């Protein structure tokens, strides 16, 4: 009487594990890219709001700011941001160029990472 055994051979099991490993690696990579994209879009959106708010503050001021470069830190949303505002002269004395750079501080410390920049022009309404 011969007995037949059913089941998988060692080679079949190893091939199945290899295929599963490749699929799991690919899925992990796609998930990681999705999370990275989400974080970049979130940071870019929040930074653009911070920059627009800073530009609105300057536009609502009584007079055009003097030529200068200032840096301040603020909390917006769950993050800390560095806002650098550079006001420079133009050929027209009543108009100033404003460049705003927004950088987000990372949780691990160190220098903030530049996230967004905004440029615009302000005119002295008194002239």
N, C-alpha and C. Protein backbone atom coordinates (compact mmCIF):
# COMPACT_ATOMS: atom_id res chain seq x y z
N UNK A 1 0.84 -1.16 0.00
CA UNK A 1 0.00 0.00 0.00
C UNK A 1 0.89 1.23 0.00
N UNK A 2 0.67 2.11 -1.00
CA UNK A 2 1.47 3.33 -1.08
C UNK A 2 0.68 4.49 -0.50
N UNK A 3 1.41 5.29 0.13
CA UNK A 3 0.79 6.44 0.79
C UNK A 3 1.19 7.71 0.03
N UNK A 4 0.24 8.53 -0.38
CA UNK A 4 0.55 9.79 -1.06
C UNK A 4 0.41 10.92 -0.06
N UNK A 5 1.33 11.82 -0.16
CA UNK A 5 1.31 12.96 0.75
C UNK A 5 0.87 14.19 -0.03
N UNK A 6 0.10 15.02 0.63
CA UNK A 6 -0.33 16.26 -0.01
C UNK A 6 0.29 17.43 0.74
N UNK A 7 0.40 18.53 0.06
CA UNK A 7 0.99 19.72 0.67
C UNK A 7 1.96 20.38 -0.29
N UNK A 8 2.65 21.38 0.20
CA UNK A 8 3.60 22.13 -0.62
C UNK A 8 5.01 21.64 -0.38
N UNK A 9 5.80 21.74 -1.41
CA UNK A 9 7.21 21.40 -1.25
C UNK A 9 7.94 22.63 -0.71
N UNK A 10 9.14 22.42 -0.27
CA UNK A 10 9.93 23.51 0.28
C UNK A 10 10.17 24.58 -0.78
N UNK A 11 10.41 24.19 -2.00
CA UNK A 11 10.64 25.15 -3.09
C UNK A 11 9.39 26.00 -3.32
N UNK A 12 8.24 25.40 -3.32
CA UNK A 12 6.99 26.14 -3.52
C UNK A 12 6.77 27.17 -2.41
N UNK A 13 7.06 26.77 -1.18
CA UNK A 13 6.91 27.68 -0.05
C UNK A 13 7.89 28.85 -0.18
N UNK A 14 9.13 28.57 -0.55
CA UNK A 14 10.12 29.64 -0.70
C UNK A 14 9.74 30.61 -1.82
N UNK A 15 9.25 30.09 -2.93
CA UNK A 15 8.81 30.96 -4.02
C UNK A 15 7.63 31.82 -3.58
N UNK A 16 6.69 31.24 -2.86
CA UNK A 16 5.53 31.99 -2.36
C UNK A 16 6.00 33.10 -1.40
N UNK A 17 6.96 32.81 -0.53
CA UNK A 17 7.49 33.82 0.39
C UNK A 17 8.21 34.94 -0.37
N UNK A 18 8.94 34.57 -1.40
CA UNK A 18 9.62 35.57 -2.21
C UNK A 18 8.63 36.51 -2.88
N UNK A 19 7.60 35.95 -3.48
CA UNK A 19 6.57 36.76 -4.13
C UNK A 19 5.88 37.66 -3.11
N UNK A 20 5.52 37.14 -1.97
CA UNK A 20 4.89 37.93 -0.91
C UNK A 20 5.82 39.05 -0.45
N UNK A 21 7.09 38.75 -0.30
CA UNK A 21 8.07 39.76 0.12
C UNK A 21 8.18 40.90 -0.88
N UNK A 22 8.21 40.56 -2.17
CA UNK A 22 8.28 41.59 -3.20
C UNK A 22 7.03 42.48 -3.21
N UNK A 23 5.88 41.86 -3.06
CA UNK A 23 4.62 42.62 -3.03
C UNK A 23 4.58 43.52 -1.80
N UNK A 24 4.99 43.00 -0.65
CA UNK A 24 4.99 43.79 0.58
C UNK A 24 5.95 44.97 0.48
N UNK A 25 7.12 44.75 -0.12
CA UNK A 25 8.09 45.84 -0.29
C UNK A 25 7.53 46.93 -1.19
N UNK A 26 6.91 46.54 -2.29
CA UNK A 26 6.33 47.52 -3.22
C UNK A 26 5.20 48.30 -2.54
N UNK A 27 4.36 47.61 -1.80
CA UNK A 27 3.26 48.29 -1.11
C UNK A 27 3.79 49.25 -0.05
N UNK A 28 4.83 48.87 0.64
CA UNK A 28 5.44 49.74 1.64
C UNK A 28 6.00 51.00 1.00
N UNK A 29 6.66 50.85 -0.14
CA UNK A 29 7.23 52.00 -0.85
C UNK A 29 6.14 52.96 -1.31
N UNK A 30 5.06 52.44 -1.85
CA UNK A 30 3.95 53.28 -2.30
C UNK A 30 3.33 54.02 -1.11
N UNK A 31 3.15 53.34 -0.01
CA UNK A 31 2.60 53.97 1.19
C UNK A 31 3.51 55.08 1.71
N UNK A 32 4.80 54.83 1.69
CA UNK A 32 5.76 55.83 2.15
C UNK A 32 5.74 57.06 1.25
N UNK A 33 5.66 56.86 -0.05
CA UNK A 33 5.59 57.99 -0.98
C UNK A 33 4.31 58.79 -0.78
N UNK A 34 3.21 58.11 -0.51
CA UNK A 34 1.94 58.78 -0.28
C UNK A 34 2.02 59.66 0.96
N UNK A 35 2.59 59.13 2.03
CA UNK A 35 2.71 59.89 3.27
C UNK A 35 3.63 61.10 3.05
N UNK A 36 4.74 60.90 2.34
CA UNK A 36 5.65 62.01 2.06
C UNK A 36 4.97 63.11 1.24
N UNK A 37 4.19 62.72 0.24
CA UNK A 37 3.47 63.70 -0.58
C UNK A 37 2.44 64.46 0.25
N UNK A 38 1.74 63.75 1.10
CA UNK A 38 0.74 64.38 1.96
C UNK A 38 1.40 65.42 2.87
N UNK A 39 2.54 65.07 3.46
CA UNK A 39 3.24 65.99 4.36
C UNK A 39 3.73 67.23 3.61
N UNK A 40 4.27 67.05 2.41
CA UNK A 40 4.73 68.20 1.63
C UNK A 40 3.58 69.13 1.27
N UNK A 41 2.47 68.57 0.85
CA UNK A 41 1.31 69.38 0.47
C UNK A 41 0.76 70.11 1.69
N UNK A 42 0.68 69.42 2.83
CA UNK A 42 0.21 70.05 4.06
C UNK A 42 1.10 71.21 4.46
N UNK A 43 2.43 70.99 4.46
CA UNK A 43 3.37 72.05 4.83
C UNK A 43 3.29 73.23 3.86
N UNK A 44 3.21 72.93 2.57
CA UNK A 44 3.14 73.99 1.56
C UNK A 44 1.87 74.82 1.73
N UNK A 45 0.76 74.17 2.02
CA UNK A 45 -0.50 74.89 2.21
C UNK A 45 -0.44 75.79 3.44
N UNK A 46 0.01 75.26 4.57
CA UNK A 46 0.11 76.07 5.78
C UNK A 46 1.09 77.22 5.59
N UNK A 47 2.23 76.96 4.95
CA UNK A 47 3.23 78.00 4.72
C UNK A 47 2.68 79.10 3.81
N UNK A 48 1.89 78.73 2.82
CA UNK A 48 1.33 79.75 1.93
C UNK A 48 0.34 80.63 2.70
N UNK A 49 -0.41 80.05 3.63
CA UNK A 49 -1.31 80.85 4.46
C UNK A 49 -0.54 81.81 5.35
N UNK A 50 0.55 81.35 5.92
CA UNK A 50 1.39 82.21 6.76
C UNK A 50 1.93 83.37 5.92
N UNK A 51 2.42 83.09 4.72
CA UNK A 51 2.97 84.14 3.85
C UNK A 51 1.89 85.14 3.44
N UNK A 52 0.72 84.64 3.08
CA UNK A 52 -0.39 85.53 2.70
C UNK A 52 -0.81 86.41 3.87
N UNK A 53 -0.83 85.84 5.07
CA UNK A 53 -1.17 86.63 6.25
C UNK A 53 -0.15 87.74 6.48
N UNK A 54 1.14 87.42 6.31
CA UNK A 54 2.19 88.43 6.50
C UNK A 54 2.06 89.53 5.46
N UNK A 55 1.79 89.17 4.21
CA UNK A 55 1.62 90.17 3.15
C UNK A 55 0.40 91.04 3.45
N UNK A 56 -0.67 90.46 3.94
CA UNK A 56 -1.87 91.24 4.29
C UNK A 56 -1.56 92.22 5.42
N UNK A 57 -0.77 91.79 6.40
CA UNK A 57 -0.37 92.70 7.49
C UNK A 57 0.36 93.92 6.93
N UNK A 58 1.27 93.67 6.01
CA UNK A 58 2.04 94.78 5.42
C UNK A 58 1.15 95.70 4.59
N UNK A 59 0.22 95.14 3.87
CA UNK A 59 -0.68 95.95 3.04
C UNK A 59 -1.63 96.79 3.89
N UNK A 60 -1.99 96.28 5.06
CA UNK A 60 -2.92 97.00 5.93
C UNK A 60 -2.22 98.03 6.83
N UNK A 61 -0.90 98.04 6.81
CA UNK A 61 -0.17 98.99 7.65
C UNK A 61 -0.44 100.43 7.18
N UNK A 62 -0.26 101.37 8.10
CA UNK A 62 -0.50 102.78 7.81
C UNK A 62 0.40 103.29 6.68
N UNK A 63 1.66 102.82 6.67
CA UNK A 63 2.59 103.28 5.64
C UNK A 63 3.44 102.12 5.16
N UNK A 64 4.09 102.31 4.04
CA UNK A 64 4.95 101.30 3.45
C UNK A 64 6.14 101.07 4.39
N UNK A 65 6.53 99.82 4.61
CA UNK A 65 7.66 99.57 5.52
C UNK A 65 8.98 100.09 4.94
N UNK A 66 9.90 100.39 5.84
CA UNK A 66 11.23 100.82 5.42
C UNK A 66 11.99 99.65 4.83
N UNK A 67 13.04 99.97 4.09
CA UNK A 67 13.89 98.92 3.52
C UNK A 67 14.57 98.19 4.67
N UNK A 68 14.34 96.88 4.73
CA UNK A 68 14.86 96.10 5.86
C UNK A 68 14.73 94.61 5.58
N UNK A 69 15.30 93.85 6.49
CA UNK A 69 15.13 92.40 6.47
C UNK A 69 14.88 91.97 7.91
N UNK A 70 13.72 91.36 8.14
CA UNK A 70 13.36 90.94 9.49
C UNK A 70 13.01 89.46 9.50
N UNK A 71 13.26 88.85 10.63
CA UNK A 71 12.92 87.44 10.82
C UNK A 71 12.19 87.31 12.14
N UNK A 72 11.08 86.60 12.11
CA UNK A 72 10.35 86.32 13.34
C UNK A 72 9.86 84.88 13.31
N UNK A 73 9.54 84.37 14.47
CA UNK A 73 9.02 83.01 14.60
C UNK A 73 7.58 83.09 15.09
N UNK A 74 6.77 82.16 14.61
CA UNK A 74 5.39 82.11 15.08
C UNK A 74 4.88 80.68 15.04
N UNK A 75 3.86 80.44 15.82
CA UNK A 75 3.18 79.15 15.82
C UNK A 75 1.93 79.30 14.96
N UNK A 76 1.77 78.39 14.03
CA UNK A 76 0.59 78.38 13.17
C UNK A 76 0.24 76.93 12.93
N UNK A 77 -0.98 76.57 13.29
CA UNK A 77 -1.34 75.16 13.23
C UNK A 77 -0.50 74.43 14.27
N UNK A 78 -0.15 73.21 14.01
CA UNK A 78 0.63 72.45 15.00
C UNK A 78 2.14 72.66 14.89
N UNK A 79 2.60 73.63 14.08
CA UNK A 79 4.03 73.77 13.81
C UNK A 79 4.54 75.16 14.15
N UNK A 80 5.86 75.24 14.25
CA UNK A 80 6.54 76.52 14.46
C UNK A 80 7.18 76.92 13.14
N UNK A 81 7.01 78.20 12.77
CA UNK A 81 7.45 78.70 11.49
C UNK A 81 8.42 79.86 11.67
N UNK A 82 9.33 80.00 10.73
CA UNK A 82 10.22 81.16 10.68
C UNK A 82 9.79 81.99 9.47
N UNK A 83 9.46 83.26 9.72
CA UNK A 83 8.98 84.15 8.68
C UNK A 83 10.05 85.22 8.45
N UNK A 84 10.65 85.22 7.27
CA UNK A 84 11.67 86.22 6.92
C UNK A 84 11.06 87.16 5.88
N UNK A 85 11.03 88.44 6.23
CA UNK A 85 10.46 89.46 5.35
C UNK A 85 11.58 90.40 4.92
N UNK A 86 11.79 90.49 3.61
CA UNK A 86 12.81 91.39 3.08
C UNK A 86 12.13 92.45 2.23
N UNK A 87 12.28 93.70 2.65
CA UNK A 87 11.71 94.83 1.92
C UNK A 87 12.85 95.54 1.22
N UNK A 88 12.73 95.70 -0.09
CA UNK A 88 13.79 96.35 -0.86
C UNK A 88 13.22 97.47 -1.72
N UNK A 89 14.08 98.38 -2.13
CA UNK A 89 13.67 99.53 -2.93
C UNK A 89 13.48 99.11 -4.39
N UNK A 90 12.71 99.93 -5.08
CA UNK A 90 12.55 99.78 -6.52
C UNK A 90 12.94 101.11 -7.18
N UNK A 91 12.88 101.17 -8.47
CA UNK A 91 13.22 102.41 -9.16
C UNK A 91 12.23 103.53 -8.83
N UNK A 92 11.01 103.15 -8.53
CA UNK A 92 9.99 104.12 -8.12
C UNK A 92 10.05 104.25 -6.60
N UNK A 93 10.27 105.47 -6.11
CA UNK A 93 10.49 105.69 -4.67
C UNK A 93 9.29 105.31 -3.81
N UNK A 94 8.08 105.38 -4.35
CA UNK A 94 6.89 105.10 -3.55
C UNK A 94 6.51 103.61 -3.55
N UNK A 95 7.28 102.79 -4.26
CA UNK A 95 6.97 101.35 -4.34
C UNK A 95 8.11 100.55 -3.72
N UNK A 96 7.74 99.54 -2.94
CA UNK A 96 8.70 98.63 -2.32
C UNK A 96 8.42 97.21 -2.78
N UNK A 97 9.49 96.47 -2.97
CA UNK A 97 9.37 95.04 -3.27
C UNK A 97 9.44 94.29 -1.95
N UNK A 98 8.56 93.32 -1.77
CA UNK A 98 8.53 92.53 -0.54
C UNK A 98 8.71 91.06 -0.90
N UNK A 99 9.71 90.43 -0.30
CA UNK A 99 9.94 88.99 -0.45
C UNK A 99 9.77 88.34 0.91
N UNK A 100 8.87 87.38 0.97
CA UNK A 100 8.58 86.68 2.22
C UNK A 100 8.98 85.22 2.04
N UNK A 101 9.81 84.72 2.94
CA UNK A 101 10.22 83.32 2.90
C UNK A 101 9.72 82.65 4.18
N UNK A 102 9.07 81.52 4.02
CA UNK A 102 8.53 80.77 5.15
C UNK A 102 9.29 79.45 5.28
N UNK A 103 9.75 79.18 6.49
CA UNK A 103 10.47 77.93 6.76
C UNK A 103 9.85 77.28 7.98
N UNK A 104 9.77 75.95 7.97
CA UNK A 104 9.18 75.21 9.10
C UNK A 104 10.29 74.58 9.92
N UNK A 105 10.18 74.75 11.24
CA UNK A 105 11.10 74.08 12.13
C UNK A 105 10.73 72.60 12.20
N UNK A 106 11.72 71.74 12.12
CA UNK A 106 11.47 70.30 12.19
C UNK A 106 11.55 69.86 13.63
N UNK A 107 10.89 68.75 13.93
CA UNK A 107 10.80 68.27 15.30
C UNK A 107 12.16 67.91 15.89
N UNK A 108 13.09 67.48 15.05
CA UNK A 108 14.39 67.04 15.54
C UNK A 108 15.31 68.21 15.88
N UNK A 109 14.84 69.42 15.68
CA UNK A 109 15.66 70.59 15.95
C UNK A 109 16.49 70.96 14.75
N UNK A 110 17.42 71.86 14.95
CA UNK A 110 18.26 72.28 13.83
C UNK A 110 17.64 73.44 13.08
N UNK A 111 18.20 73.71 11.93
CA UNK A 111 17.74 74.82 11.11
C UNK A 111 16.37 74.52 10.50
N UNK A 112 15.54 75.56 10.36
CA UNK A 112 14.23 75.34 9.72
C UNK A 112 14.40 75.03 8.24
N UNK A 113 13.43 74.32 7.68
CA UNK A 113 13.45 73.92 6.28
C UNK A 113 12.56 74.86 5.47
N UNK A 114 13.14 75.53 4.47
CA UNK A 114 12.39 76.46 3.64
C UNK A 114 11.25 75.72 2.96
N UNK A 115 10.05 76.30 3.04
CA UNK A 115 8.86 75.63 2.54
C UNK A 115 8.14 76.40 1.44
N UNK A 116 8.13 77.74 1.57
CA UNK A 116 7.35 78.54 0.62
C UNK A 116 7.91 79.96 0.58
N UNK A 117 7.79 80.60 -0.57
CA UNK A 117 8.16 82.00 -0.66
C UNK A 117 7.10 82.75 -1.46
N UNK A 118 6.98 84.03 -1.14
CA UNK A 118 5.98 84.89 -1.78
C UNK A 118 6.61 86.25 -2.03
N UNK A 119 6.40 86.81 -3.20
CA UNK A 119 6.92 88.13 -3.53
C UNK A 119 5.77 89.01 -3.97
N UNK A 120 5.92 90.29 -3.69
CA UNK A 120 4.89 91.24 -4.08
C UNK A 120 5.41 92.66 -4.00
N UNK A 121 4.55 93.61 -4.32
CA UNK A 121 4.93 95.02 -4.30
C UNK A 121 3.91 95.79 -3.48
N UNK A 122 4.40 96.77 -2.74
CA UNK A 122 3.56 97.64 -1.94
C UNK A 122 3.79 99.07 -2.40
N UNK A 123 2.71 99.84 -2.43
CA UNK A 123 2.83 101.24 -2.83
C UNK A 123 2.38 102.11 -1.68
N UNK A 124 3.14 103.18 -1.48
CA UNK A 124 2.79 104.15 -0.45
C UNK A 124 1.57 104.91 -0.93
N UNK A 125 0.45 104.77 -0.23
CA UNK A 125 -0.80 105.37 -0.65
C UNK A 125 -0.80 106.89 -0.46
N UNK A 126 0.12 107.40 0.35
CA UNK A 126 0.18 108.83 0.60
C UNK A 126 0.78 109.61 -0.55
N UNK A 127 1.41 108.94 -1.49
CA UNK A 127 2.07 109.67 -2.60
C UNK A 127 1.31 109.54 -3.87
